[in-house]
Amino acid sequence: MSENLIAHSQTVNIKRRSAIKNQRPIVIWLTGLSGAGKSSIANALELALCDAGRHTYLLDGDNVRLGLCQDLGFSDADRVENIRRISEVAKLFTDAGLIVITAFISPFIRDRALARDVIGEESFIEVFIDTPLSECERRDPKGLYKKAREGLIKNFTGIDSSYEPPLSPHIRINTLEDDLEAAAQRIIDFINKQQSK
């Protein structure tokens, strides 16, 4: 079927959309275990960027799973498809000229590499929210670790499904050291430095 599809060339392109917004579109990809602080940091980051007049959109794991990816489970294959869909959506949003923030466990190195390939190396910033499993379990904001330990949830990342930490993320945030505002500011400082080149 795909052999009958041809991409349609559009007159208004990413350069024009970006120029209107006076910003370079990028994807800030937050990865880490459940309970690491990805969503909280993503929210603080988006608020700070919006306060600075930047045009943003936040794609959060649970929110996307409740809509676009509600047909997917948590098998390895479904996790791969979840990240593939998110990558394509993030690419569309950058084409619209937006700064996109994603907050997904995205446990596998190969899937984050796929996201980077889909989005483009120059537009992809990987941020590892490096919170130890023991701390994530202590926080357990949704009670998911407790359920996983009791066998009520299968294929739970960090318990019976693996998490592969990034080998060389652009930014590593230790939430035992940085609070929300400090974490958001570190990302903003990195973005500003990149966009001034």
N, C-alpha and C. Protein backbone atom coordinates (compact mmCIF):
# COMPACT_ATOMS: atom_id res chain seq x y z
N MET A 1 0.82 -1.20 0.00
CA MET A 1 0.00 0.00 0.00
C MET A 1 0.86 1.26 0.00
N SER A 2 1.99 1.26 0.75
CA SER A 2 2.81 2.47 0.86
C SER A 2 3.42 2.87 -0.47
N GLU A 3 3.53 1.91 -1.42
CA GLU A 3 4.09 2.27 -2.73
C GLU A 3 3.17 3.21 -3.51
N ASN A 4 1.91 3.33 -3.09
CA ASN A 4 0.97 4.23 -3.75
C ASN A 4 0.87 5.60 -3.06
N LEU A 5 1.70 5.81 -2.05
CA LEU A 5 1.67 7.07 -1.31
C LEU A 5 2.86 7.93 -1.70
N ILE A 6 2.60 9.19 -1.93
CA ILE A 6 3.65 10.14 -2.29
C ILE A 6 3.52 11.35 -1.38
N ALA A 7 4.63 11.73 -0.72
CA ALA A 7 4.61 12.89 0.17
C ALA A 7 4.26 14.14 -0.62
N HIS A 8 3.35 14.93 -0.08
CA HIS A 8 2.90 16.16 -0.74
C HIS A 8 3.78 17.32 -0.29
N SER A 9 4.32 18.04 -1.23
CA SER A 9 5.17 19.19 -0.93
C SER A 9 4.29 20.36 -0.51
N GLN A 10 4.68 21.01 0.61
CA GLN A 10 3.88 22.13 1.13
C GLN A 10 4.65 23.44 0.96
N THR A 11 3.92 24.48 0.62
CA THR A 11 4.54 25.79 0.39
C THR A 11 5.05 26.40 1.70
N VAL A 12 4.23 26.32 2.75
CA VAL A 12 4.64 26.81 4.06
C VAL A 12 5.42 25.68 4.74
N ASN A 13 6.68 25.96 5.07
CA ASN A 13 7.54 24.91 5.60
C ASN A 13 8.03 25.24 7.01
N ILE A 14 8.88 24.37 7.54
CA ILE A 14 9.37 24.51 8.91
C ILE A 14 10.12 25.83 9.11
N LYS A 15 10.87 26.27 8.11
CA LYS A 15 11.62 27.53 8.25
C LYS A 15 10.67 28.71 8.43
N ARG A 16 9.62 28.72 7.65
CA ARG A 16 8.66 29.84 7.75
C ARG A 16 7.91 29.80 9.07
N ARG A 17 7.49 28.61 9.46
CA ARG A 17 6.75 28.48 10.73
C ARG A 17 7.65 28.86 11.92
N SER A 18 8.92 28.46 11.85
CA SER A 18 9.86 28.78 12.92
C SER A 18 10.13 30.28 12.98
N ALA A 19 10.23 30.89 11.80
CA ALA A 19 10.51 32.34 11.74
C ALA A 19 9.38 33.14 12.38
N ILE A 20 8.15 32.72 12.14
CA ILE A 20 7.00 33.40 12.75
C ILE A 20 7.09 33.35 14.27
N LYS A 21 7.55 32.21 14.80
CA LYS A 21 7.64 32.02 16.25
C LYS A 21 8.97 32.52 16.82
N ASN A 22 9.90 32.86 15.92
CA ASN A 22 11.20 33.37 16.34
C ASN A 22 11.92 32.39 17.28
N GLN A 23 11.92 31.11 16.87
CA GLN A 23 12.61 30.09 17.66
C GLN A 23 13.01 28.92 16.76
N ARG A 24 13.97 28.17 17.24
CA ARG A 24 14.38 26.96 16.53
C ARG A 24 13.62 25.78 17.13
N PRO A 25 12.85 25.04 16.35
CA PRO A 25 12.10 23.91 16.91
C PRO A 25 13.03 22.76 17.30
N ILE A 26 12.76 22.19 18.44
CA ILE A 26 13.54 21.06 18.95
C ILE A 26 12.62 20.13 19.72
N VAL A 27 13.13 18.93 19.97
CA VAL A 27 12.45 17.98 20.85
C VAL A 27 13.36 17.73 22.04
N ILE A 28 12.83 17.96 23.22
CA ILE A 28 13.55 17.69 24.47
C ILE A 28 12.97 16.39 25.01
N TRP A 29 13.74 15.31 24.89
CA TRP A 29 13.25 13.96 25.18
C TRP A 29 13.68 13.54 26.58
N LEU A 30 12.74 13.61 27.55
CA LEU A 30 13.03 13.19 28.92
C LEU A 30 12.78 11.70 29.06
N THR A 31 13.78 10.98 29.55
CA THR A 31 13.67 9.54 29.76
C THR A 31 14.11 9.20 31.17
N GLY A 32 13.54 8.17 31.73
CA GLY A 32 13.87 7.72 33.08
C GLY A 32 12.79 6.80 33.60
N LEU A 33 13.04 6.21 34.73
CA LEU A 33 12.09 5.28 35.33
C LEU A 33 10.78 5.96 35.73
N SER A 34 9.76 5.17 35.91
CA SER A 34 8.50 5.66 36.47
C SER A 34 8.79 6.23 37.86
N GLY A 35 8.30 7.44 38.12
CA GLY A 35 8.53 8.07 39.40
C GLY A 35 9.84 8.84 39.48
N ALA A 36 10.58 8.89 38.38
CA ALA A 36 11.87 9.59 38.38
C ALA A 36 11.69 11.10 38.50
N GLY A 37 10.56 11.61 38.00
CA GLY A 37 10.31 13.05 38.02
C GLY A 37 10.17 13.66 36.65
N LYS A 38 10.04 12.82 35.63
CA LYS A 38 9.97 13.32 34.24
C LYS A 38 8.82 14.28 34.03
N SER A 39 7.62 13.90 34.42
CA SER A 39 6.44 14.75 34.19
C SER A 39 6.53 16.05 34.97
N SER A 40 7.01 15.98 36.20
CA SER A 40 7.13 17.19 37.02
C SER A 40 8.14 18.15 36.42
N ILE A 41 9.28 17.62 35.99
CA ILE A 41 10.31 18.46 35.36
C ILE A 41 9.80 19.00 34.04
N ALA A 42 9.13 18.17 33.26
CA ALA A 42 8.59 18.61 31.97
C ALA A 42 7.60 19.76 32.16
N ASN A 43 6.75 19.66 33.18
CA ASN A 43 5.79 20.74 33.46
C ASN A 43 6.50 22.03 33.86
N ALA A 44 7.49 21.91 34.73
CA ALA A 44 8.25 23.09 35.17
C ALA A 44 8.99 23.71 33.98
N LEU A 45 9.54 22.87 33.13
CA LEU A 45 10.26 23.34 31.94
C LEU A 45 9.33 24.06 30.98
N GLU A 46 8.16 23.46 30.71
CA GLU A 46 7.24 24.10 29.79
C GLU A 46 6.76 25.44 30.33
N LEU A 47 6.48 25.51 31.61
CA LEU A 47 6.04 26.77 32.22
C LEU A 47 7.12 27.84 32.07
N ALA A 48 8.37 27.48 32.33
CA ALA A 48 9.47 28.44 32.22
C ALA A 48 9.65 28.90 30.78
N LEU A 49 9.53 27.98 29.84
CA LEU A 49 9.67 28.34 28.42
C LEU A 49 8.53 29.24 27.97
N CYS A 50 7.31 28.91 28.40
CA CYS A 50 6.15 29.75 28.05
C CYS A 50 6.27 31.13 28.66
N ASP A 51 6.74 31.20 29.89
CA ASP A 51 6.96 32.50 30.54
C ASP A 51 7.99 33.33 29.78
N ALA A 52 8.91 32.65 29.09
CA ALA A 52 9.93 33.33 28.30
C ALA A 52 9.47 33.63 26.87
N GLY A 53 8.18 33.33 26.60
CA GLY A 53 7.63 33.64 25.28
C GLY A 53 7.88 32.59 24.21
N ARG A 54 8.29 31.38 24.64
CA ARG A 54 8.53 30.30 23.67
C ARG A 54 7.22 29.56 23.39
N HIS A 55 7.13 29.02 22.18
CA HIS A 55 5.94 28.25 21.77
C HIS A 55 6.26 26.76 21.96
N THR A 56 5.49 26.10 22.82
CA THR A 56 5.82 24.74 23.24
C THR A 56 4.63 23.80 23.12
N TYR A 57 4.94 22.50 23.23
CA TYR A 57 3.90 21.50 23.45
C TYR A 57 4.52 20.36 24.24
N LEU A 58 3.80 19.89 25.26
CA LEU A 58 4.27 18.80 26.12
C LEU A 58 3.51 17.52 25.80
N LEU A 59 4.26 16.48 25.45
CA LEU A 59 3.71 15.15 25.24
C LEU A 59 4.08 14.31 26.46
N ASP A 60 3.09 13.95 27.26
CA ASP A 60 3.33 13.19 28.49
C ASP A 60 2.86 11.75 28.32
N GLY A 61 3.63 10.84 28.88
CA GLY A 61 3.38 9.41 28.70
C GLY A 61 1.96 8.96 28.98
N ASP A 62 1.44 9.26 30.16
CA ASP A 62 0.09 8.80 30.51
C ASP A 62 -0.96 9.44 29.60
N ASN A 63 -0.79 10.73 29.31
CA ASN A 63 -1.77 11.42 28.47
C ASN A 63 -1.82 10.82 27.07
N VAL A 64 -0.67 10.51 26.51
CA VAL A 64 -0.63 9.91 25.17
C VAL A 64 -1.22 8.50 25.20
N ARG A 65 -0.94 7.78 26.27
CA ARG A 65 -1.48 6.42 26.40
C ARG A 65 -3.00 6.42 26.56
N LEU A 66 -3.56 7.51 27.07
CA LEU A 66 -5.01 7.60 27.22
C LEU A 66 -5.71 7.96 25.92
N GLY A 67 -4.95 8.39 24.91
CA GLY A 67 -5.54 8.79 23.64
C GLY A 67 -4.92 8.06 22.47
N LEU A 68 -3.92 8.67 21.87
CA LEU A 68 -3.27 8.15 20.66
C LEU A 68 -2.84 6.69 20.79
N CYS A 69 -2.35 6.30 21.95
CA CYS A 69 -1.80 4.95 22.12
C CYS A 69 -2.63 4.09 23.07
N GLN A 70 -3.93 4.37 23.17
CA GLN A 70 -4.76 3.61 24.10
C GLN A 70 -4.93 2.15 23.68
N ASP A 71 -4.61 1.84 22.43
CA ASP A 71 -4.73 0.45 21.96
C ASP A 71 -3.49 -0.38 22.27
N LEU A 72 -2.47 0.21 22.88
CA LEU A 72 -1.23 -0.49 23.15
C LEU A 72 -1.14 -0.94 24.60
N GLY A 73 -0.51 -2.09 24.79
CA GLY A 73 -0.23 -2.57 26.14
C GLY A 73 1.19 -2.22 26.52
N PHE A 74 1.83 -3.10 27.32
CA PHE A 74 3.17 -2.80 27.82
C PHE A 74 4.16 -3.91 27.50
N SER A 75 3.84 -4.71 26.49
CA SER A 75 4.83 -5.69 26.02
C SER A 75 5.97 -4.92 25.36
N ASP A 76 7.09 -5.58 25.14
CA ASP A 76 8.21 -4.91 24.47
C ASP A 76 7.79 -4.38 23.11
N ALA A 77 7.01 -5.16 22.36
CA ALA A 77 6.57 -4.74 21.02
C ALA A 77 5.68 -3.51 21.10
N ASP A 78 4.79 -3.48 22.09
CA ASP A 78 3.90 -2.32 22.24
C ASP A 78 4.67 -1.09 22.70
N ARG A 79 5.68 -1.27 23.52
CA ARG A 79 6.51 -0.14 23.94
C ARG A 79 7.24 0.46 22.73
N VAL A 80 7.74 -0.41 21.86
CA VAL A 80 8.42 0.05 20.64
C VAL A 80 7.46 0.87 19.78
N GLU A 81 6.24 0.37 19.59
CA GLU A 81 5.26 1.07 18.77
C GLU A 81 4.84 2.39 19.43
N ASN A 82 4.74 2.40 20.75
CA ASN A 82 4.41 3.62 21.48
C ASN A 82 5.43 4.71 21.18
N ILE A 83 6.70 4.37 21.26
CA ILE A 83 7.76 5.35 21.01
C ILE A 83 7.80 5.75 19.54
N ARG A 84 7.53 4.81 18.64
CA ARG A 84 7.50 5.15 17.21
C ARG A 84 6.42 6.20 16.93
N ARG A 85 5.24 6.01 17.49
CA ARG A 85 4.15 6.97 17.29
C ARG A 85 4.50 8.34 17.88
N ILE A 86 5.04 8.32 19.09
CA ILE A 86 5.41 9.58 19.74
C ILE A 86 6.45 10.32 18.92
N SER A 87 7.41 9.58 18.38
CA SER A 87 8.46 10.19 17.56
C SER A 87 7.88 10.89 16.34
N GLU A 88 6.94 10.24 15.69
CA GLU A 88 6.31 10.82 14.50
C GLU A 88 5.49 12.07 14.87
N VAL A 89 4.78 12.01 15.99
CA VAL A 89 4.00 13.17 16.43
C VAL A 89 4.94 14.32 16.79
N ALA A 90 6.01 14.01 17.50
CA ALA A 90 6.98 15.06 17.87
C ALA A 90 7.59 15.69 16.63
N LYS A 91 7.85 14.89 15.62
CA LYS A 91 8.40 15.42 14.36
C LYS A 91 7.40 16.38 13.70
N LEU A 92 6.12 16.02 13.70
CA LEU A 92 5.10 16.91 13.15
C LEU A 92 5.04 18.23 13.91
N PHE A 93 5.15 18.15 15.23
CA PHE A 93 5.09 19.37 16.03
C PHE A 93 6.31 20.26 15.80
N THR A 94 7.49 19.65 15.60
CA THR A 94 8.65 20.48 15.27
C THR A 94 8.49 21.09 13.89
N ASP A 95 7.85 20.37 12.98
CA ASP A 95 7.58 20.92 11.65
C ASP A 95 6.66 22.14 11.76
N ALA A 96 5.85 22.16 12.81
CA ALA A 96 4.97 23.31 13.06
C ALA A 96 5.73 24.46 13.73
N GLY A 97 7.02 24.22 14.05
CA GLY A 97 7.84 25.28 14.63
C GLY A 97 7.87 25.30 16.15
N LEU A 98 7.39 24.24 16.77
CA LEU A 98 7.27 24.22 18.24
C LEU A 98 8.50 23.63 18.92
N ILE A 99 8.67 23.99 20.17
CA ILE A 99 9.60 23.29 21.06
C ILE A 99 8.77 22.21 21.75
N VAL A 100 9.14 20.96 21.53
CA VAL A 100 8.36 19.83 22.04
C VAL A 100 9.11 19.21 23.22
N ILE A 101 8.38 19.00 24.28
CA ILE A 101 8.93 18.33 25.46
C ILE A 101 8.22 16.99 25.58
N THR A 102 8.99 15.91 25.67
CA THR A 102 8.36 14.60 25.85
C THR A 102 8.79 14.03 27.19
N ALA A 103 7.87 13.38 27.87
CA ALA A 103 8.14 12.74 29.16
C ALA A 103 7.65 11.29 29.08
N PHE A 104 8.56 10.39 28.69
CA PHE A 104 8.24 8.98 28.51
C PHE A 104 9.36 8.14 29.10
N ILE A 105 9.00 7.03 29.71
CA ILE A 105 10.03 6.12 30.20
C ILE A 105 10.98 5.76 29.06
N SER A 106 10.44 5.43 27.90
CA SER A 106 11.21 5.03 26.71
C SER A 106 12.43 4.21 27.14
N PRO A 107 12.19 2.97 27.57
CA PRO A 107 13.21 2.20 28.27
C PRO A 107 14.37 1.67 27.42
N PHE A 108 14.20 1.60 26.11
CA PHE A 108 15.20 0.93 25.29
C PHE A 108 16.06 1.90 24.49
N ILE A 109 17.36 1.68 24.51
CA ILE A 109 18.30 2.53 23.78
C ILE A 109 17.95 2.59 22.30
N ARG A 110 17.63 1.44 21.72
CA ARG A 110 17.37 1.40 20.27
C ARG A 110 16.14 2.25 19.89
N ASP A 111 15.16 2.32 20.79
CA ASP A 111 13.95 3.09 20.50
C ASP A 111 14.21 4.59 20.61
N ARG A 112 15.04 4.97 21.58
CA ARG A 112 15.41 6.38 21.66
C ARG A 112 16.27 6.78 20.47
N ALA A 113 17.09 5.84 19.98
CA ALA A 113 17.89 6.10 18.78
C ALA A 113 16.97 6.26 17.57
N LEU A 114 15.92 5.44 17.50
CA LEU A 114 14.93 5.57 16.43
C LEU A 114 14.26 6.93 16.49
N ALA A 115 13.88 7.36 17.70
CA ALA A 115 13.25 8.68 17.87
C ALA A 115 14.19 9.77 17.35
N ARG A 116 15.46 9.67 17.72
CA ARG A 116 16.45 10.66 17.26
C ARG A 116 16.56 10.65 15.74
N ASP A 117 16.53 9.46 15.14
CA ASP A 117 16.62 9.36 13.67
C ASP A 117 15.38 9.96 13.00
N VAL A 118 14.20 9.68 13.55
CA VAL A 118 12.95 10.20 12.99
C VAL A 118 12.91 11.73 13.10
N ILE A 119 13.26 12.23 14.26
CA ILE A 119 13.17 13.67 14.54
C ILE A 119 14.32 14.44 13.89
N GLY A 120 15.48 13.83 13.87
CA GLY A 120 16.67 14.47 13.31
C GLY A 120 17.66 14.80 14.42
N GLU A 121 18.89 14.41 14.22
CA GLU A 121 19.95 14.60 15.23
C GLU A 121 20.04 16.04 15.73
N GLU A 122 19.93 17.00 14.79
CA GLU A 122 20.12 18.41 15.14
C GLU A 122 18.96 18.98 15.96
N SER A 123 17.84 18.25 16.00
CA SER A 123 16.66 18.74 16.72
C SER A 123 16.32 17.93 17.96
N PHE A 124 17.18 16.98 18.31
CA PHE A 124 16.87 16.02 19.38
C PHE A 124 17.81 16.23 20.57
N ILE A 125 17.23 16.50 21.74
CA ILE A 125 18.01 16.66 22.96
C ILE A 125 17.54 15.59 23.95
N GLU A 126 18.43 14.67 24.28
CA GLU A 126 18.10 13.59 25.21
C GLU A 126 18.46 14.00 26.63
N VAL A 127 17.47 13.93 27.52
CA VAL A 127 17.66 14.30 28.91
C VAL A 127 17.36 13.08 29.78
N PHE A 128 18.37 12.59 30.47
CA PHE A 128 18.21 11.43 31.33
C PHE A 128 17.88 11.90 32.74
N ILE A 129 16.66 11.60 33.20
CA ILE A 129 16.27 11.90 34.57
C ILE A 129 16.74 10.72 35.40
N ASP A 130 17.93 10.89 35.97
CA ASP A 130 18.68 9.80 36.59
C ASP A 130 18.33 9.71 38.08
N THR A 131 17.23 9.02 38.35
CA THR A 131 16.78 8.82 39.73
C THR A 131 16.89 7.33 40.03
N PRO A 132 17.57 6.95 41.10
CA PRO A 132 17.74 5.53 41.41
C PRO A 132 16.39 4.82 41.60
N LEU A 133 16.38 3.55 41.23
CA LEU A 133 15.17 2.74 41.39
C LEU A 133 14.66 2.79 42.82
N SER A 134 15.56 2.72 43.79
CA SER A 134 15.13 2.73 45.20
C SER A 134 14.38 4.01 45.54
N GLU A 135 14.81 5.14 44.97
CA GLU A 135 14.12 6.41 45.23
C GLU A 135 12.78 6.46 44.50
N CYS A 136 12.75 5.94 43.28
CA CYS A 136 11.49 5.90 42.53
C CYS A 136 10.46 5.06 43.28
N GLU A 137 10.92 3.93 43.83
CA GLU A 137 10.02 3.07 44.61
C GLU A 137 9.58 3.76 45.90
N ARG A 138 10.47 4.51 46.52
CA ARG A 138 10.11 5.22 47.74
C ARG A 138 9.02 6.25 47.46
N ARG A 139 9.19 6.97 46.33
CA ARG A 139 8.20 7.99 45.96
C ARG A 139 6.89 7.32 45.55
N ASP A 140 6.99 6.38 44.61
CA ASP A 140 5.86 5.61 44.06
C ASP A 140 4.57 6.42 44.01
N PRO A 141 4.55 7.57 43.26
CA PRO A 141 3.40 8.48 43.29
C PRO A 141 2.08 7.85 42.85
N LYS A 142 2.15 6.81 42.01
CA LYS A 142 0.91 6.19 41.52
C LYS A 142 0.66 4.83 42.15
N GLY A 143 1.54 4.41 43.04
CA GLY A 143 1.39 3.09 43.67
C GLY A 143 1.69 1.94 42.74
N LEU A 144 2.40 2.21 41.65
CA LEU A 144 2.63 1.19 40.63
C LEU A 144 3.73 0.20 41.02
N TYR A 145 4.76 0.68 41.69
CA TYR A 145 5.83 -0.24 42.11
C TYR A 145 5.30 -1.26 43.10
N LYS A 146 4.47 -0.79 44.01
CA LYS A 146 3.88 -1.71 45.00
C LYS A 146 3.07 -2.79 44.28
N LYS A 147 2.27 -2.39 43.30
CA LYS A 147 1.47 -3.36 42.55
C LYS A 147 2.36 -4.31 41.76
N ALA A 148 3.44 -3.77 41.17
CA ALA A 148 4.36 -4.61 40.40
C ALA A 148 5.04 -5.62 41.30
N ARG A 149 5.47 -5.20 42.48
CA ARG A 149 6.12 -6.11 43.43
C ARG A 149 5.17 -7.20 43.91
N GLU A 150 3.88 -6.86 43.93
CA GLU A 150 2.86 -7.85 44.35
C GLU A 150 2.41 -8.73 43.19
N GLY A 151 2.95 -8.48 41.99
CA GLY A 151 2.60 -9.28 40.82
C GLY A 151 1.31 -8.86 40.15
N LEU A 152 0.77 -7.70 40.55
CA LEU A 152 -0.49 -7.23 39.98
C LEU A 152 -0.30 -6.51 38.65
N ILE A 153 0.92 -6.05 38.38
CA ILE A 153 1.25 -5.41 37.10
C ILE A 153 2.42 -6.18 36.50
N LYS A 154 2.27 -6.61 35.28
CA LYS A 154 3.34 -7.33 34.58
C LYS A 154 4.08 -6.38 33.64
N ASN A 155 5.31 -6.74 33.29
CA ASN A 155 6.14 -5.96 32.36
C ASN A 155 6.36 -4.53 32.85
N PHE A 156 6.60 -4.38 34.14
CA PHE A 156 6.79 -3.04 34.70
C PHE A 156 8.27 -2.70 34.68
N THR A 157 8.59 -1.58 34.06
CA THR A 157 9.98 -1.18 33.89
C THR A 157 10.68 -1.01 35.23
N GLY A 158 11.84 -1.65 35.35
CA GLY A 158 12.64 -1.58 36.57
C GLY A 158 12.38 -2.76 37.49
N ILE A 159 11.27 -3.47 37.27
CA ILE A 159 10.94 -4.62 38.11
C ILE A 159 11.08 -5.91 37.28
N ASP A 160 10.19 -6.13 36.33
CA ASP A 160 10.32 -7.33 35.49
C ASP A 160 10.46 -6.99 34.00
N SER A 161 10.77 -5.73 33.72
CA SER A 161 11.10 -5.30 32.37
C SER A 161 12.26 -4.33 32.50
N SER A 162 13.23 -4.45 31.62
CA SER A 162 14.47 -3.70 31.81
C SER A 162 14.36 -2.24 31.39
N TYR A 163 15.23 -1.42 31.99
CA TYR A 163 15.43 -0.03 31.57
C TYR A 163 16.90 0.11 31.20
N GLU A 164 17.14 0.61 30.00
CA GLU A 164 18.51 0.79 29.51
C GLU A 164 18.85 2.29 29.57
N PRO A 165 19.67 2.69 30.54
CA PRO A 165 20.00 4.12 30.68
C PRO A 165 20.73 4.63 29.44
N PRO A 166 20.55 5.90 29.11
CA PRO A 166 21.29 6.48 27.99
C PRO A 166 22.79 6.40 28.26
N LEU A 167 23.56 6.11 27.21
CA LEU A 167 25.01 6.00 27.33
C LEU A 167 25.68 7.38 27.36
N SER A 168 25.14 8.30 26.57
CA SER A 168 25.72 9.65 26.53
C SER A 168 24.62 10.68 26.27
N PRO A 169 23.76 10.91 27.27
CA PRO A 169 22.69 11.90 27.09
C PRO A 169 23.27 13.30 26.99
N HIS A 170 22.53 14.19 26.37
CA HIS A 170 22.96 15.59 26.32
C HIS A 170 22.99 16.20 27.72
N ILE A 171 21.99 15.81 28.52
CA ILE A 171 21.88 16.33 29.89
C ILE A 171 21.51 15.16 30.81
N ARG A 172 22.17 15.11 31.97
CA ARG A 172 21.83 14.13 33.00
C ARG A 172 21.39 14.91 34.24
N ILE A 173 20.19 14.61 34.72
CA ILE A 173 19.67 15.31 35.90
C ILE A 173 19.48 14.32 37.02
N ASN A 174 20.13 14.59 38.14
CA ASN A 174 19.99 13.78 39.34
C ASN A 174 18.97 14.48 40.24
N THR A 175 17.79 13.90 40.36
CA THR A 175 16.72 14.58 41.12
C THR A 175 16.96 14.55 42.62
N LEU A 176 17.99 13.81 43.07
CA LEU A 176 18.35 13.86 44.48
C LEU A 176 19.17 15.12 44.77
N GLU A 177 19.67 15.76 43.70
CA GLU A 177 20.50 16.96 43.85
C GLU A 177 19.80 18.22 43.34
N ASP A 178 19.08 18.10 42.20
CA ASP A 178 18.43 19.26 41.58
C ASP A 178 16.94 19.25 41.86
N ASP A 179 16.40 20.40 42.31
CA ASP A 179 14.95 20.51 42.44
C ASP A 179 14.35 20.83 41.06
N LEU A 180 13.04 20.97 40.99
CA LEU A 180 12.37 21.17 39.70
C LEU A 180 12.88 22.39 38.96
N GLU A 181 12.98 23.50 39.66
CA GLU A 181 13.39 24.74 39.02
C GLU A 181 14.82 24.65 38.52
N ALA A 182 15.70 24.04 39.32
CA ALA A 182 17.10 23.89 38.92
C ALA A 182 17.22 22.97 37.71
N ALA A 183 16.43 21.89 37.71
CA ALA A 183 16.45 20.96 36.58
C ALA A 183 15.97 21.65 35.31
N ALA A 184 14.86 22.37 35.42
CA ALA A 184 14.33 23.09 34.25
C ALA A 184 15.35 24.11 33.75
N GLN A 185 15.99 24.82 34.66
CA GLN A 185 16.96 25.84 34.27
C GLN A 185 18.17 25.23 33.56
N ARG A 186 18.61 24.08 34.03
CA ARG A 186 19.74 23.41 33.36
C ARG A 186 19.40 23.09 31.91
N ILE A 187 18.17 22.65 31.67
CA ILE A 187 17.74 22.33 30.31
C ILE A 187 17.65 23.61 29.48
N ILE A 188 17.09 24.66 30.05
CA ILE A 188 16.96 25.94 29.35
C ILE A 188 18.34 26.50 29.00
N ASP A 189 19.27 26.41 29.93
CA ASP A 189 20.63 26.89 29.67
C ASP A 189 21.25 26.13 28.50
N PHE A 190 21.01 24.83 28.46
CA PHE A 190 21.54 24.01 27.36
C PHE A 190 20.91 24.43 26.03
N ILE A 191 19.58 24.62 26.04
CA ILE A 191 18.87 25.04 24.82
C ILE A 191 19.41 26.39 24.32
N ASN A 192 19.53 27.33 25.24
CA ASN A 192 20.01 28.67 24.86
C ASN A 192 21.41 28.62 24.27
N LYS A 193 22.25 27.78 24.85
CA LYS A 193 23.62 27.63 24.34
C LYS A 193 23.59 27.02 22.94
N GLN A 194 22.76 25.99 22.77
CA GLN A 194 22.67 25.34 21.45
C GLN A 194 22.13 26.29 20.39
N GLN A 195 21.12 27.09 20.76
CA GLN A 195 20.46 27.95 19.77
C GLN A 195 21.26 29.20 19.48
N SER A 196 22.27 29.48 20.29
CA SER A 196 23.10 30.66 20.02
C SER A 196 24.25 30.34 19.07
N LYS A 197 24.42 29.04 18.75
CA LYS A 197 25.50 28.64 17.84
C LYS A 197 25.18 29.01 16.40
